[in-house]
Amino acid sequence: MIKSLRESKAKLSELVDLAGRGQDVWIAVRGRVKARLTRATAAASAADRKAWVRELKKLQKSCKGKATRPTAQTILAQQREDRL
């Protein structure tokens, strides 16, 4: 089954279900196939999950203490304060 990128975005959940049931889904951009969505061969092993958790914790530590972007609510509150 070949789907356009636009259609794939709109129906991603359905396409993932199809792929999970064993049907390959080919995704085309401007008429040329660029990607394939296919069934996963096996669930991640316990070792893979542990490695993923270690990597995630390492990433979290590297991001700690770094400045974060203000939320939209914070920006709006600051603008309201400036008007007073």
C-alpha atoms as a PDB file:
ATOM      1  CA  MET A   1       0.000   0.000   0.000  1.00  0.00           C
ATOM      2  CA  ILE A   2       1.426   3.387  -0.982  1.00  0.00           C
ATOM      3  CA  LYS A   3       0.220   6.574   0.720  1.00  0.00           C
ATOM      4  CA  SER A   4       1.199  10.193   0.252  1.00  0.00           C
ATOM      5  CA  LEU A   5       2.964  11.982   3.085  1.00  0.00           C
ATOM      6  CA  ARG A   6      -0.051  14.263   3.617  1.00  0.00           C
ATOM      7  CA  GLU A   7      -2.430  11.323   3.873  1.00  0.00           C
ATOM      8  CA  SER A   8       0.021   9.454   6.124  1.00  0.00           C
ATOM      9  CA  LYS A   9       0.126  12.364   8.575  1.00  0.00           C
ATOM     10  CA  ALA A  10      -3.651  12.500   8.715  1.00  0.00           C
ATOM     11  CA  LYS A  11      -4.093   8.757   9.208  1.00  0.00           C
ATOM     12  CA  LEU A  12      -0.948   7.746  11.085  1.00  0.00           C
ATOM     13  CA  SER A  13      -2.763   5.717  13.759  1.00  0.00           C
ATOM     14  CA  GLU A  14      -4.565   3.669  11.119  1.00  0.00           C
ATOM     15  CA  LEU A  15      -1.359   3.082   9.177  1.00  0.00           C
ATOM     16  CA  VAL A  16       0.487   1.968  12.316  1.00  0.00           C
ATOM     17  CA  ASP A  17      -2.324  -0.510  13.000  1.00  0.00           C
ATOM     18  CA  LEU A  18      -2.034  -1.872   9.453  1.00  0.00           C
ATOM     19  CA  ALA A  19       1.734  -2.202   9.785  1.00  0.00           C
ATOM     20  CA  GLY A  20       1.318  -3.889  13.155  1.00  0.00           C
ATOM     21  CA  ARG A  21      -0.878  -6.480  11.474  1.00  0.00           C
ATOM     22  CA  GLY A  22       1.862  -7.204   8.935  1.00  0.00           C
ATOM     23  CA  GLN A  23       0.956  -4.979   5.983  1.00  0.00           C
ATOM     24  CA  ASP A  24       3.807  -2.797   4.729  1.00  0.00           C
ATOM     25  CA  VAL A  25       2.877   0.845   4.156  1.00  0.00           C
ATOM     26  CA  TRP A  26       5.041   2.801   1.721  1.00  0.00           C
ATOM     27  CA  ILE A  27       5.090   6.591   2.086  1.00  0.00           C
ATOM     28  CA  ALA A  28       5.658   8.759  -0.968  1.00  0.00           C
ATOM     29  CA  VAL A  29       6.713  12.397  -1.250  1.00  0.00           C
ATOM     30  CA  ARG A  30       5.989  14.057  -4.585  1.00  0.00           C
ATOM     31  CA  GLY A  31       5.282  10.683  -6.122  1.00  0.00           C
ATOM     32  CA  ARG A  32       8.537   9.043  -4.994  1.00  0.00           C
ATOM     33  CA  VAL A  33       8.639   6.457  -2.232  1.00  0.00           C
ATOM     34  CA  LYS A  34      10.722   7.788   0.671  1.00  0.00           C
ATOM     35  CA  ALA A  35       9.902   5.534   3.622  1.00  0.00           C
ATOM     36  CA  ARG A  36       8.345   2.253   4.666  1.00  0.00           C
ATOM     37  CA  LEU A  37       6.277   1.592   7.755  1.00  0.00           C
ATOM     38  CA  THR A  38       6.506  -2.086   8.650  1.00  0.00           C
ATOM     39  CA  ARG A  39       5.769  -4.422  11.521  1.00  0.00           C
ATOM     40  CA  ALA A  40       8.289  -4.471  14.357  1.00  0.00           C
ATOM     41  CA  THR A  41      10.184  -7.734  14.405  1.00  0.00           C
ATOM     42  CA  ALA A  42      10.322  -8.171  18.161  1.00  0.00           C
ATOM     43  CA  ALA A  43       9.689  -6.298  21.353  1.00  0.00           C
ATOM     44  CA  ALA A  44      12.677  -4.623  22.965  1.00  0.00           C
ATOM     45  CA  SER A  45      14.601  -6.900  25.260  1.00  0.00           C
ATOM     46  CA  ALA A  46      15.084  -6.104  28.926  1.00  0.00           C
ATOM     47  CA  ALA A  47      18.701  -5.147  28.180  1.00  0.00           C
ATOM     48  CA  ASP A  48      17.546  -2.732  25.458  1.00  0.00           C
ATOM     49  CA  ARG A  49      15.044  -1.129  27.830  1.00  0.00           C
ATOM     50  CA  LYS A  50      17.685  -0.744  30.545  1.00  0.00           C
ATOM     51  CA  ALA A  51      20.094   0.849  28.074  1.00  0.00           C
ATOM     52  CA  TRP A  52      17.342   3.224  26.951  1.00  0.00           C
ATOM     53  CA  VAL A  53      16.584   4.219  30.559  1.00  0.00           C
ATOM     54  CA  ARG A  54      20.300   4.833  31.231  1.00  0.00           C
ATOM     55  CA  GLU A  55      20.533   7.016  28.136  1.00  0.00           C
ATOM     56  CA  LEU A  56      17.411   8.950  29.125  1.00  0.00           C
ATOM     57  CA  LYS A  57      18.736   9.578  32.654  1.00  0.00           C
ATOM     58  CA  LYS A  58      22.054  10.741  31.213  1.00  0.00           C
ATOM     59  CA  LEU A  59      20.209  13.166  28.948  1.00  0.00           C
ATOM     60  CA  GLN A  60      18.100  14.452  31.849  1.00  0.00           C
ATOM     61  CA  LYS A  61      21.239  15.124  33.899  1.00  0.00           C
ATOM     62  CA  SER A  62      22.849  16.993  31.010  1.00  0.00           C
ATOM     63  CA  CYS A  63      19.773  19.235  30.726  1.00  0.00           C
ATOM     64  CA  LYS A  64      19.461  20.022  34.450  1.00  0.00           C
ATOM     65  CA  GLY A  65      20.101  23.596  35.400  1.00  0.00           C
ATOM     66  CA  LYS A  66      19.863  24.873  31.862  1.00  0.00           C
ATOM     67  CA  ALA A  67      17.564  27.766  31.124  1.00  0.00           C
ATOM     68  CA  THR A  68      14.128  26.836  29.908  1.00  0.00           C
ATOM     69  CA  ARG A  69      11.906  28.741  27.561  1.00  0.00           C
ATOM     70  CA  PRO A  70       9.090  30.718  29.124  1.00  0.00           C
ATOM     71  CA  THR A  71       5.603  29.324  28.646  1.00  0.00           C
ATOM     72  CA  ALA A  72       2.901  31.238  26.809  1.00  0.00           C
ATOM     73  CA  GLN A  73       1.187  31.854  30.154  1.00  0.00           C
ATOM     74  CA  THR A  74       4.350  33.435  31.574  1.00  0.00           C
ATOM     75  CA  ILE A  75       4.762  35.700  28.569  1.00  0.00           C
ATOM     76  CA  LEU A  76       1.134  36.826  28.712  1.00  0.00           C
ATOM     77  CA  ALA A  77       1.372  37.493  32.449  1.00  0.00           C
ATOM     78  CA  GLN A  78       4.482  39.631  31.918  1.00  0.00           C
ATOM     79  CA  GLN A  79       2.769  41.614  29.155  1.00  0.00           C
ATOM     80  CA  ARG A  80      -0.231  42.255  31.389  1.00  0.00           C
ATOM     81  CA  GLU A  81       2.040  43.463  34.190  1.00  0.00           C
ATOM     82  CA  ASP A  82       3.780  45.848  31.775  1.00  0.00           C
ATOM     83  CA  ARG A  83       0.437  47.454  30.890  1.00  0.00           C
ATOM     84  CA  LEU A  84      -0.369  48.344  34.513  1.00  0.00           C
END
